[in-house]
PDB file of N, CA and C in Angstrom:
ATOM      1  N   MET A   1      -5.056 -20.644   2.539  1.00  0.00           N
ATOM      2  CA  MET A   1      -4.279 -21.266   3.569  1.00  0.00           C
ATOM      3  C   MET A   1      -5.235 -21.733   4.651  1.00  0.00           C
ATOM      4  N   THR A   2      -5.025 -22.953   5.113  1.00  0.00           N
ATOM      5  CA  THR A   2      -5.873 -23.497   6.168  1.00  0.00           C
ATOM      6  C   THR A   2      -5.018 -24.208   7.205  1.00  0.00           C
ATOM      7  N   GLU A   3      -5.458 -24.132   8.466  1.00  0.00           N
ATOM      8  CA  GLU A   3      -4.822 -24.833   9.585  1.00  0.00           C
ATOM      9  C   GLU A   3      -3.322 -24.563   9.676  1.00  0.00           C
ATOM     10  N   CYS A   4      -2.919 -23.299   9.568  1.00  0.00           N
ATOM     11  CA  CYS A   4      -1.501 -22.904   9.607  1.00  0.00           C
ATOM     12  C   CYS A   4      -1.146 -22.324  10.970  1.00  0.00           C
ATOM     13  N   GLN A   5       0.128 -22.404  11.312  1.00  0.00           N
ATOM     14  CA  GLN A   5       0.684 -21.684  12.450  1.00  0.00           C
ATOM     15  C   GLN A   5       1.818 -20.832  11.905  1.00  0.00           C
ATOM     16  N   ILE A   6       1.650 -19.510  11.973  1.00  0.00           N
ATOM     17  CA  ILE A   6       2.609 -18.595  11.347  1.00  0.00           C
ATOM     18  C   ILE A   6       3.017 -17.542  12.363  1.00  0.00           C
ATOM     19  N   GLU A   7       4.325 -17.225  12.396  1.00  0.00           N
ATOM     20  CA  GLU A   7       4.850 -16.240  13.339  1.00  0.00           C
ATOM     21  C   GLU A   7       5.753 -15.238  12.643  1.00  0.00           C
ATOM     22  N   ASP A   8       5.798 -14.025  13.216  1.00  0.00           N
ATOM     23  CA  ASP A   8       6.781 -12.999  12.859  1.00  0.00           C
ATOM     24  C   ASP A   8       6.839 -12.677  11.369  1.00  0.00           C
ATOM     25  N   THR A   9       5.735 -12.242  10.831  1.00  0.00           N
ATOM     26  CA  THR A   9       5.702 -11.852   9.421  1.00  0.00           C
ATOM     27  C   THR A   9       4.715 -10.700   9.241  1.00  0.00           C
ATOM     28  N   ASN A  10       4.662 -10.150   8.046  1.00  0.00           N
ATOM     29  CA  ASN A  10       3.697  -9.084   7.771  1.00  0.00           C
ATOM     30  C   ASN A  10       2.896  -9.418   6.522  1.00  0.00           C
ATOM     31  N   ASP A  11       1.716  -8.811   6.418  1.00  0.00           N
ATOM     32  CA  ASP A  11       0.822  -9.001   5.263  1.00  0.00           C
ATOM     33  C   ASP A  11       0.630 -10.479   4.942  1.00  0.00           C
ATOM     34  N   VAL A  12       0.435 -11.281   5.953  1.00  0.00           N
ATOM     35  CA  VAL A  12       0.447 -12.738   5.800  1.00  0.00           C
ATOM     36  C   VAL A  12      -0.664 -13.261   4.886  1.00  0.00           C
ATOM     37  N   GLY A  13      -1.848 -12.703   4.957  1.00  0.00           N
ATOM     38  CA  GLY A  13      -2.952 -13.218   4.152  1.00  0.00           C
ATOM     39  C   GLY A  13      -3.307 -12.336   2.978  1.00  0.00           C
ATOM     40  N   TYR A  14      -2.349 -11.563   2.504  1.00  0.00           N
ATOM     41  CA  TYR A  14      -2.615 -10.606   1.427  1.00  0.00           C
ATOM     42  C   TYR A  14      -3.196 -11.307   0.200  1.00  0.00           C
ATOM     43  N   ALA A  15      -4.367 -10.886  -0.220  1.00  0.00           N
ATOM     44  CA  ALA A  15      -5.045 -11.363  -1.428  1.00  0.00           C
ATOM     45  C   ALA A  15      -5.309 -12.865  -1.425  1.00  0.00           C
ATOM     46  N   ALA A  16      -5.352 -13.478  -0.248  1.00  0.00           N
ATOM     47  CA  ALA A  16      -5.634 -14.915  -0.173  1.00  0.00           C
ATOM     48  C   ALA A  16      -7.092 -15.181  -0.542  1.00  0.00           C
ATOM     49  N   GLN A  17      -7.338 -16.312  -1.161  1.00  0.00           N
ATOM     50  CA  GLN A  17      -8.707 -16.710  -1.465  1.00  0.00           C
ATOM     51  C   GLN A  17      -9.423 -17.185  -0.203  1.00  0.00           C
ATOM     52  N   LEU A  18      -8.671 -17.903   0.675  1.00  0.00           N
ATOM     53  CA  LEU A  18      -9.250 -18.440   1.902  1.00  0.00           C
ATOM     54  C   LEU A  18      -8.187 -18.472   2.992  1.00  0.00           C
ATOM     55  N   VAL A  19      -8.534 -17.957   4.171  1.00  0.00           N
ATOM     56  CA  VAL A  19      -7.686 -18.073   5.361  1.00  0.00           C
ATOM     57  C   VAL A  19      -8.600 -18.622   6.452  1.00  0.00           C
ATOM     58  N   ARG A  20      -8.396 -19.910   6.823  1.00  0.00           N
ATOM     59  CA  ARG A  20      -9.325 -20.563   7.747  1.00  0.00           C
ATOM     60  C   ARG A  20      -8.570 -21.386   8.788  1.00  0.00           C
ATOM     61  N   GLY A  21      -8.956 -21.228  10.050  1.00  0.00           N
ATOM     62  CA  GLY A  21      -8.440 -22.065  11.124  1.00  0.00           C
ATOM     63  C   GLY A  21      -6.958 -21.907  11.410  1.00  0.00           C
ATOM     64  N   CYS A  22      -6.418 -20.739  11.177  1.00  0.00           N
ATOM     65  CA  CYS A  22      -4.978 -20.518  11.368  1.00  0.00           C
ATOM     66  C   CYS A  22      -4.708 -19.801  12.685  1.00  0.00           C
ATOM     67  N   GLN A  23      -3.475 -19.974  13.183  1.00  0.00           N
ATOM     68  CA  GLN A  23      -3.010 -19.261  14.365  1.00  0.00           C
ATOM     69  C   GLN A  23      -1.822 -18.412  13.964  1.00  0.00           C
ATOM     70  N   PHE A  24      -1.920 -17.109  14.240  1.00  0.00           N
ATOM     71  CA  PHE A  24      -0.870 -16.164  13.859  1.00  0.00           C
ATOM     72  C   PHE A  24      -0.332 -15.487  15.114  1.00  0.00           C
ATOM     73  N   THR A  25       0.988 -15.335  15.181  1.00  0.00           N
ATOM     74  CA  THR A  25       1.633 -14.678  16.318  1.00  0.00           C
ATOM     75  C   THR A  25       2.644 -13.659  15.808  1.00  0.00           C
ATOM     76  N   ASN A  26       2.650 -12.486  16.432  1.00  0.00           N
ATOM     77  CA  ASN A  26       3.587 -11.408  16.079  1.00  0.00           C
ATOM     78  C   ASN A  26       3.467 -10.981  14.618  1.00  0.00           C
ATOM     79  N   LEU A  27       2.270 -10.633  14.208  1.00  0.00           N
ATOM     80  CA  LEU A  27       2.068 -10.139  12.847  1.00  0.00           C
ATOM     81  C   LEU A  27       2.297  -8.636  12.813  1.00  0.00           C
ATOM     82  N   HIS A  28       2.605  -8.137  11.636  1.00  0.00           N
ATOM     83  CA  HIS A  28       2.849  -6.712  11.452  1.00  0.00           C
ATOM     84  C   HIS A  28       2.071  -6.239  10.232  1.00  0.00           C
ATOM     85  N   ALA A  29       1.743  -4.972  10.206  1.00  0.00           N
ATOM     86  CA  ALA A  29       1.014  -4.332   9.103  1.00  0.00           C
ATOM     87  C   ALA A  29      -0.393  -4.908   9.022  1.00  0.00           C
ATOM     88  N   ASP A  30      -0.906  -5.146   7.837  1.00  0.00           N
ATOM     89  CA  ASP A  30      -2.277  -5.605   7.636  1.00  0.00           C
ATOM     90  C   ASP A  30      -2.273  -7.114   7.440  1.00  0.00           C
ATOM     91  N   ALA A  31      -2.949  -7.824   8.301  1.00  0.00           N
ATOM     92  CA  ALA A  31      -2.914  -9.285   8.252  1.00  0.00           C
ATOM     93  C   ALA A  31      -3.636  -9.866   7.036  1.00  0.00           C
ATOM     94  N   PHE A  32      -4.789  -9.326   6.672  1.00  0.00           N
ATOM     95  CA  PHE A  32      -5.606  -9.967   5.642  1.00  0.00           C
ATOM     96  C   PHE A  32      -6.069  -9.001   4.557  1.00  0.00           C
ATOM     97  N   SER A  33      -5.241  -8.096   4.148  1.00  0.00           N
ATOM     98  CA  SER A  33      -5.609  -7.121   3.131  1.00  0.00           C
ATOM     99  C   SER A  33      -6.026  -7.815   1.836  1.00  0.00           C
ATOM    100  N   ASP A  34      -7.178  -7.457   1.316  1.00  0.00           N
ATOM    101  CA  ASP A  34      -7.719  -7.970   0.055  1.00  0.00           C
ATOM    102  C   ASP A  34      -7.991  -9.474   0.054  1.00  0.00           C
ATOM    103  N   ALA A  35      -8.055 -10.109   1.223  1.00  0.00           N
ATOM    104  CA  ALA A  35      -8.406 -11.534   1.280  1.00  0.00           C
ATOM    105  C   ALA A  35      -9.902 -11.686   1.015  1.00  0.00           C
ATOM    106  N   ARG A  36     -10.284 -12.751   0.330  1.00  0.00           N
ATOM    107  CA  ARG A  36     -11.692 -12.954  -0.031  1.00  0.00           C
ATOM    108  C   ARG A  36     -12.514 -13.567   1.102  1.00  0.00           C
ATOM    109  N   CYS A  37     -11.937 -14.533   1.849  1.00  0.00           N
ATOM    110  CA  CYS A  37     -12.684 -15.187   2.922  1.00  0.00           C
ATOM    111  C   CYS A  37     -11.736 -15.466   4.086  1.00  0.00           C
ATOM    112  N   VAL A  38     -12.059 -14.915   5.261  1.00  0.00           N
ATOM    113  CA  VAL A  38     -11.243 -15.085   6.464  1.00  0.00           C
ATOM    114  C   VAL A  38     -12.184 -15.533   7.577  1.00  0.00           C
ATOM    115  N   VAL A  39     -11.973 -16.765   8.107  1.00  0.00           N
ATOM    116  CA  VAL A  39     -12.894 -17.288   9.110  1.00  0.00           C
ATOM    117  C   VAL A  39     -12.152 -18.205  10.092  1.00  0.00           C
ATOM    118  N   GLY A  40     -12.496 -18.075  11.380  1.00  0.00           N
ATOM    119  CA  GLY A  40     -12.006 -18.983  12.406  1.00  0.00           C
ATOM    120  C   GLY A  40     -10.519 -18.927  12.680  1.00  0.00           C
ATOM    121  N   ASN A  41      -9.929 -17.755  12.620  1.00  0.00           N
ATOM    122  CA  ASN A  41      -8.495 -17.601  12.855  1.00  0.00           C
ATOM    123  C   ASN A  41      -8.246 -16.956  14.214  1.00  0.00           C
ATOM    124  N   THR A  42      -7.027 -17.141  14.741  1.00  0.00           N
ATOM    125  CA  THR A  42      -6.613 -16.507  15.985  1.00  0.00           C
ATOM    126  C   THR A  42      -5.350 -15.705  15.724  1.00  0.00           C
ATOM    127  N   ILE A  43      -5.359 -14.444  16.170  1.00  0.00           N
ATOM    128  CA  ILE A  43      -4.170 -13.595  16.038  1.00  0.00           C
ATOM    129  C   ILE A  43      -3.717 -13.197  17.437  1.00  0.00           C
ATOM    130  N   ASN A  44      -2.475 -13.508  17.755  1.00  0.00           N
ATOM    131  CA  ASN A  44      -1.851 -13.099  19.005  1.00  0.00           C
ATOM    132  C   ASN A  44      -0.782 -12.069  18.682  1.00  0.00           C
ATOM    133  N   ARG A  45      -0.934 -10.876  19.214  1.00  0.00           N
ATOM    134  CA  ARG A  45       0.034  -9.790  19.038  1.00  0.00           C
ATOM    135  C   ARG A  45       0.138  -9.326  17.581  1.00  0.00           C
ATOM    136  N   LEU A  46      -0.732  -8.433  17.238  1.00  0.00           N
ATOM    137  CA  LEU A  46      -0.684  -7.766  15.935  1.00  0.00           C
ATOM    138  C   LEU A  46      -0.117  -6.379  16.162  1.00  0.00           C
ATOM    139  N   GLY A  47       1.076  -6.136  15.660  1.00  0.00           N
ATOM    140  CA  GLY A  47       1.714  -4.830  15.809  1.00  0.00           C
ATOM    141  C   GLY A  47       1.514  -4.025  14.545  1.00  0.00           C
ATOM    142  N   ASN A  48       1.126  -2.778  14.691  1.00  0.00           N
ATOM    143  CA  ASN A  48       0.876  -1.968  13.502  1.00  0.00           C
ATOM    144  C   ASN A  48       1.832  -0.792  13.396  1.00  0.00           C
ATOM    145  N   VAL A  49       2.979  -0.858  14.055  1.00  0.00           N
ATOM    146  CA  VAL A  49       3.917   0.259  14.002  1.00  0.00           C
ATOM    147  C   VAL A  49       4.334   0.541  12.569  1.00  0.00           C
ATOM    148  N   SER A  50       4.700  -0.495  11.824  1.00  0.00           N
ATOM    149  CA  SER A  50       5.124  -0.258  10.445  1.00  0.00           C
ATOM    150  C   SER A  50       3.974   0.234   9.575  1.00  0.00           C
ATOM    151  N   ALA A  51       2.750  -0.135   9.910  1.00  0.00           N
ATOM    152  CA  ALA A  51       1.609   0.298   9.115  1.00  0.00           C
ATOM    153  C   ALA A  51       1.216   1.738   9.417  1.00  0.00           C
ATOM    154  N   THR A  52       1.566   2.235  10.597  1.00  0.00           N
ATOM    155  CA  THR A  52       1.165   3.590  10.957  1.00  0.00           C
ATOM    156  C   THR A  52       2.313   4.589  10.912  1.00  0.00           C
ATOM    157  N   THR A  53       3.493   4.133  10.584  1.00  0.00           N
ATOM    158  CA  THR A  53       4.645   5.020  10.486  1.00  0.00           C
ATOM    159  C   THR A  53       4.681   5.634   9.099  1.00  0.00           C
ATOM    160  N   TYR A  54       4.739   6.953   9.038  1.00  0.00           N
ATOM    161  CA  TYR A  54       4.760   7.654   7.757  1.00  0.00           C
ATOM    162  C   TYR A  54       6.064   7.364   7.027  1.00  0.00           C
ATOM    163  N   VAL A  55       5.944   6.909   5.802  1.00  0.00           N
ATOM    164  CA  VAL A  55       7.104   6.635   4.961  1.00  0.00           C
ATOM    165  C   VAL A  55       6.905   7.381   3.646  1.00  0.00           C
ATOM    166  N   GLU A  56       7.857   8.231   3.285  1.00  0.00           N
ATOM    167  CA  GLU A  56       7.739   8.965   2.029  1.00  0.00           C
ATOM    168  C   GLU A  56       7.882   8.008   0.852  1.00  0.00           C
ATOM    169  N   ALA A  57       6.987   8.133  -0.111  1.00  0.00           N
ATOM    170  CA  ALA A  57       7.076   7.323  -1.320  1.00  0.00           C
ATOM    171  C   ALA A  57       8.138   7.876  -2.251  1.00  0.00           C
ATOM    172  N   PHE A  58       8.179   9.181  -2.368  1.00  0.00           N
ATOM    173  CA  PHE A  58       9.215   9.855  -3.145  1.00  0.00           C
ATOM    174  C   PHE A  58       9.203  11.332  -2.777  1.00  0.00           C
ATOM    175  N   THR A  59      10.255  12.021  -3.136  1.00  0.00           N
ATOM    176  CA  THR A  59      10.311  13.459  -2.904  1.00  0.00           C
ATOM    177  C   THR A  59      10.527  14.164  -4.234  1.00  0.00           C
ATOM    178  N   VAL A  60      10.064  15.385  -4.300  1.00  0.00           N
ATOM    179  CA  VAL A  60      10.174  16.179  -5.524  1.00  0.00           C
ATOM    180  C   VAL A  60      10.718  17.550  -5.152  1.00  0.00           C
ATOM    181  N   GLN A  61      11.637  18.032  -5.950  1.00  0.00           N
ATOM    182  CA  GLN A  61      12.173  19.376  -5.740  1.00  0.00           C
ATOM    183  C   GLN A  61      12.049  20.133  -7.053  1.00  0.00           C
ATOM    184  N   TYR A  62      11.538  21.356  -6.979  1.00  0.00           N
ATOM    185  CA  TYR A  62      11.398  22.193  -8.167  1.00  0.00           C
ATOM    186  C   TYR A  62      12.349  23.373  -8.057  1.00  0.00           C
ATOM    187  N   VAL A  63      13.122  23.576  -9.112  1.00  0.00           N
ATOM    188  CA  VAL A  63      13.995  24.747  -9.215  1.00  0.00           C
ATOM    189  C   VAL A  63      13.713  25.368 -10.573  1.00  0.00           C
ATOM    190  N   GLY A  64      13.095  26.505 -10.591  1.00  0.00           N
ATOM    191  CA  GLY A  64      12.759  27.138 -11.855  1.00  0.00           C
ATOM    192  C   GLY A  64      12.204  28.530 -11.640  1.00  0.00           C
ATOM    193  N   ALA A  65      11.768  29.129 -12.729  1.00  0.00           N
ATOM    194  CA  ALA A  65      11.310  30.516 -12.697  1.00  0.00           C
ATOM    195  C   ALA A  65       9.874  30.657 -12.211  1.00  0.00           C
ATOM    196  N   GLY A  66       9.087  29.584 -12.258  1.00  0.00           N
ATOM    197  CA  GLY A  66       7.689  29.672 -11.860  1.00  0.00           C
ATOM    198  C   GLY A  66       7.525  29.929 -10.375  1.00  0.00           C
ATOM    199  N   ALA A  67       6.419  30.582 -10.030  1.00  0.00           N
ATOM    200  CA  ALA A  67       6.154  30.909  -8.633  1.00  0.00           C
ATOM    201  C   ALA A  67       5.612  29.712  -7.856  1.00  0.00           C
ATOM    202  N   THR A  68       4.864  28.828  -8.544  1.00  0.00           N
ATOM    203  CA  THR A  68       4.219  27.707  -7.879  1.00  0.00           C
ATOM    204  C   THR A  68       4.381  26.439  -8.702  1.00  0.00           C
ATOM    205  N   ALA A  69       4.813  25.366  -8.057  1.00  0.00           N
ATOM    206  CA  ALA A  69       4.916  24.059  -8.706  1.00  0.00           C
ATOM    207  C   ALA A  69       4.074  23.066  -7.912  1.00  0.00           C
ATOM    208  N   THR A  70       3.278  22.255  -8.623  1.00  0.00           N
ATOM    209  CA  THR A  70       2.415  21.278  -7.959  1.00  0.00           C
ATOM    210  C   THR A  70       2.474  19.942  -8.681  1.00  0.00           C
ATOM    211  N   LEU A  71       2.099  18.888  -7.962  1.00  0.00           N
ATOM    212  CA  LEU A  71       1.881  17.564  -8.542  1.00  0.00           C
ATOM    213  C   LEU A  71       0.442  17.183  -8.257  1.00  0.00           C
ATOM    214  N   GLU A  72      -0.247  16.693  -9.285  1.00  0.00           N
ATOM    215  CA  GLU A  72      -1.613  16.218  -9.114  1.00  0.00           C
ATOM    216  C   GLU A  72      -1.643  14.739  -9.445  1.00  0.00           C
ATOM    217  N   LEU A  73      -2.346  13.958  -8.623  1.00  0.00           N
ATOM    218  CA  LEU A  73      -2.453  12.518  -8.822  1.00  0.00           C
ATOM    219  C   LEU A  73      -3.881  12.189  -9.227  1.00  0.00           C
ATOM    220  N   SER A  74      -4.048  11.539 -10.374  1.00  0.00           N
ATOM    221  CA  SER A  74      -5.385  11.160 -10.833  1.00  0.00           C
ATOM    222  C   SER A  74      -5.568   9.655 -10.701  1.00  0.00           C
ATOM    223  N   GLY A  75      -6.813   9.240 -10.633  1.00  0.00           N
ATOM    224  CA  GLY A  75      -7.127   7.820 -10.490  1.00  0.00           C
ATOM    225  C   GLY A  75      -7.352   7.469  -9.033  1.00  0.00           C
ATOM    226  N   GLY A  76      -8.196   6.469  -8.795  1.00  0.00           N
ATOM    227  CA  GLY A  76      -8.495   6.044  -7.433  1.00  0.00           C
ATOM    228  C   GLY A  76      -7.384   5.202  -6.842  1.00  0.00           C
ATOM    229  N   SER A  77      -7.388   5.059  -5.515  1.00  0.00           N
ATOM    230  CA  SER A  77      -6.327   4.307  -4.850  1.00  0.00           C
ATOM    231  C   SER A  77      -6.347   2.827  -5.202  1.00  0.00           C
ATOM    232  N   ASP A  78      -7.451   2.325  -5.750  1.00  0.00           N
ATOM    233  CA  ASP A  78      -7.521   0.923  -6.148  1.00  0.00           C
ATOM    234  C   ASP A  78      -7.198   0.708  -7.629  1.00  0.00           C
ATOM    235  N   ALA A  79      -6.863   1.768  -8.343  1.00  0.00           N
ATOM    236  CA  ALA A  79      -6.541   1.652  -9.775  1.00  0.00           C
ATOM    237  C   ALA A  79      -5.189   0.972  -9.964  1.00  0.00           C
ATOM    238  N   ASN A  80      -5.033   0.227 -11.039  1.00  0.00           N
ATOM    239  CA  ASN A  80      -3.754  -0.418 -11.336  1.00  0.00           C
ATOM    240  C   ASN A  80      -2.700   0.588 -11.770  1.00  0.00           C
ATOM    241  N   THR A  81      -3.116   1.639 -12.451  1.00  0.00           N
ATOM    242  CA  THR A  81      -2.184   2.682 -12.884  1.00  0.00           C
ATOM    243  C   THR A  81      -2.793   4.043 -12.571  1.00  0.00           C
ATOM    244  N   ARG A  82      -1.971   4.949 -12.051  1.00  0.00           N
ATOM    245  CA  ARG A  82      -2.400   6.314 -11.762  1.00  0.00           C
ATOM    246  C   ARG A  82      -1.424   7.263 -12.433  1.00  0.00           C
ATOM    247  N   THR A  83      -1.878   8.479 -12.721  1.00  0.00           N
ATOM    248  CA  THR A  83      -1.048   9.444 -13.439  1.00  0.00           C
ATOM    249  C   THR A  83      -0.760  10.659 -12.567  1.00  0.00           C
ATOM    250  N   CYS A  84       0.515  11.018 -12.492  1.00  0.00           N
ATOM    251  CA  CYS A  84       0.944  12.248 -11.816  1.00  0.00           C
ATOM    252  C   CYS A  84       1.173  13.308 -12.884  1.00  0.00           C
ATOM    253  N   THR A  85       0.607  14.480 -12.677  1.00  0.00           N
ATOM    254  CA  THR A  85       0.791  15.594 -13.597  1.00  0.00           C
ATOM    255  C   THR A  85       1.524  16.715 -12.873  1.00  0.00           C
ATOM    256  N   ALA A  86       2.666  17.103 -13.423  1.00  0.00           N
ATOM    257  CA  ALA A  86       3.439  18.218 -12.869  1.00  0.00           C
ATOM    258  C   ALA A  86       2.960  19.505 -13.517  1.00  0.00           C
ATOM    259  N   LYS A  87       2.743  20.525 -12.681  1.00  0.00           N
ATOM    260  CA  LYS A  87       2.295  21.823 -13.186  1.00  0.00           C
ATOM    261  C   LYS A  87       3.170  22.925 -12.610  1.00  0.00           C
ATOM    262  N   VAL A  88       3.424  23.923 -13.433  1.00  0.00           N
ATOM    263  CA  VAL A  88       4.126  25.124 -12.992  1.00  0.00           C
ATOM    264  C   VAL A  88       3.210  26.297 -13.294  1.00  0.00           C
ATOM    265  N   ASP A  89       2.908  27.060 -12.265  1.00  0.00           N
ATOM    266  CA  ASP A  89       1.979  28.184 -12.377  1.00  0.00           C
ATOM    267  C   ASP A  89       0.664  27.768 -13.037  1.00  0.00           C
ATOM    268  N   GLY A  90       0.190  26.561 -12.706  1.00  0.00           N
ATOM    269  CA  GLY A  90      -1.088  26.074 -13.207  1.00  0.00           C
ATOM    270  C   GLY A  90      -1.059  25.408 -14.563  1.00  0.00           C
ATOM    271  N   SER A  91       0.057  25.468 -15.289  1.00  0.00           N
ATOM    272  CA  SER A  91       0.157  24.855 -16.617  1.00  0.00           C
ATOM    273  C   SER A  91       0.898  23.525 -16.533  1.00  0.00           C
ATOM    274  N   SER A  92       0.354  22.517 -17.218  1.00  0.00           N
ATOM    275  CA  SER A  92       0.977  21.196 -17.230  1.00  0.00           C
ATOM    276  C   SER A  92       2.332  21.242 -17.933  1.00  0.00           C
ATOM    277  N   VAL A  93       3.350  20.677 -17.279  1.00  0.00           N
ATOM    278  CA  VAL A  93       4.687  20.631 -17.881  1.00  0.00           C
ATOM    279  C   VAL A  93       5.182  19.195 -18.058  1.00  0.00           C
ATOM    280  N   GLY A  94       4.412  18.225 -17.581  1.00  0.00           N
ATOM    281  CA  GLY A  94       4.812  16.834 -17.756  1.00  0.00           C
ATOM    282  C   GLY A  94       3.938  15.890 -16.955  1.00  0.00           C
ATOM    283  N   THR A  95       3.960  14.624 -17.347  1.00  0.00           N
ATOM    284  CA  THR A  95       3.215  13.589 -16.637  1.00  0.00           C
ATOM    285  C   THR A  95       4.080  12.342 -16.508  1.00  0.00           C
ATOM    286  N   PHE A  96       3.743  11.533 -15.529  1.00  0.00           N
ATOM    287  CA  PHE A  96       4.330  10.195 -15.432  1.00  0.00           C
ATOM    288  C   PHE A  96       3.321   9.282 -14.755  1.00  0.00           C
ATOM    289  N   ALA A  97       3.412   8.003 -15.086  1.00  0.00           N
ATOM    290  CA  ALA A  97       2.475   7.022 -14.550  1.00  0.00           C
ATOM    291  C   ALA A  97       3.137   6.230 -13.426  1.00  0.00           C
ATOM    292  N   VAL A  98       2.345   5.902 -12.429  1.00  0.00           N
ATOM    293  CA  VAL A  98       2.785   4.999 -11.371  1.00  0.00           C
ATOM    294  C   VAL A  98       1.845   3.802 -11.395  1.00  0.00           C
ATOM    295  N   ALA A  99       2.407   2.613 -11.225  1.00  0.00           N
ATOM    296  CA  ALA A  99       1.616   1.395 -11.337  1.00  0.00           C
ATOM    297  C   ALA A  99       1.665   0.603 -10.043  1.00  0.00           C
ATOM    298  N   ARG A 100       0.582  -0.083  -9.771  1.00  0.00           N
ATOM    299  CA  ARG A 100       0.524  -1.004  -8.643  1.00  0.00           C
ATOM    300  C   ARG A 100       1.387  -2.202  -8.995  1.00  0.00           C
ATOM    301  N   ASP A 101       2.134  -2.690  -8.022  1.00  0.00           N
ATOM    302  CA  ASP A 101       3.006  -3.837  -8.268  1.00  0.00           C
ATOM    303  C   ASP A 101       2.747  -4.883  -7.203  1.00  0.00           C
ATOM    304  N   ASP A 102       2.023  -5.925  -7.562  1.00  0.00           N
ATOM    305  CA  ASP A 102       1.736  -7.016  -6.641  1.00  0.00           C
ATOM    306  C   ASP A 102       2.643  -8.210  -6.921  1.00  0.00           C
ATOM    307  N   ALA A 103       3.789  -7.965  -7.539  1.00  0.00           N
ATOM    308  CA  ALA A 103       4.663  -9.049  -7.986  1.00  0.00           C
ATOM    309  C   ALA A 103       5.318  -9.814  -6.853  1.00  0.00           C
ATOM    310  N   ALA A 104       5.429  -9.208  -5.683  1.00  0.00           N
ATOM    311  CA  ALA A 104       6.111  -9.885  -4.576  1.00  0.00           C
ATOM    312  C   ALA A 104       5.373 -11.145  -4.219  1.00  0.00           C
TER     313      ALA A 104
END
């Protein structure tokens, strides 16, 4: 994107190849996450409330005979797919995969 005027949005330059000479007003969250080249832009009023507010991704409840239940997440935060392993008293009882979704 080049020579744009954009207002009141979030993640505006996400994964952009080029963001050059743009003026942004009232942005939220991360303006240029994973953008390859960002040069000569102006940002007026970048609010990060939504980016810093804790939001639960999911909740888990265990009801069973085991004394301790845990979830372990494998894979780095930049991986396309990560695996959650459920354990009861240290023994694996199941797994499920979570995937990155950039479809929006």
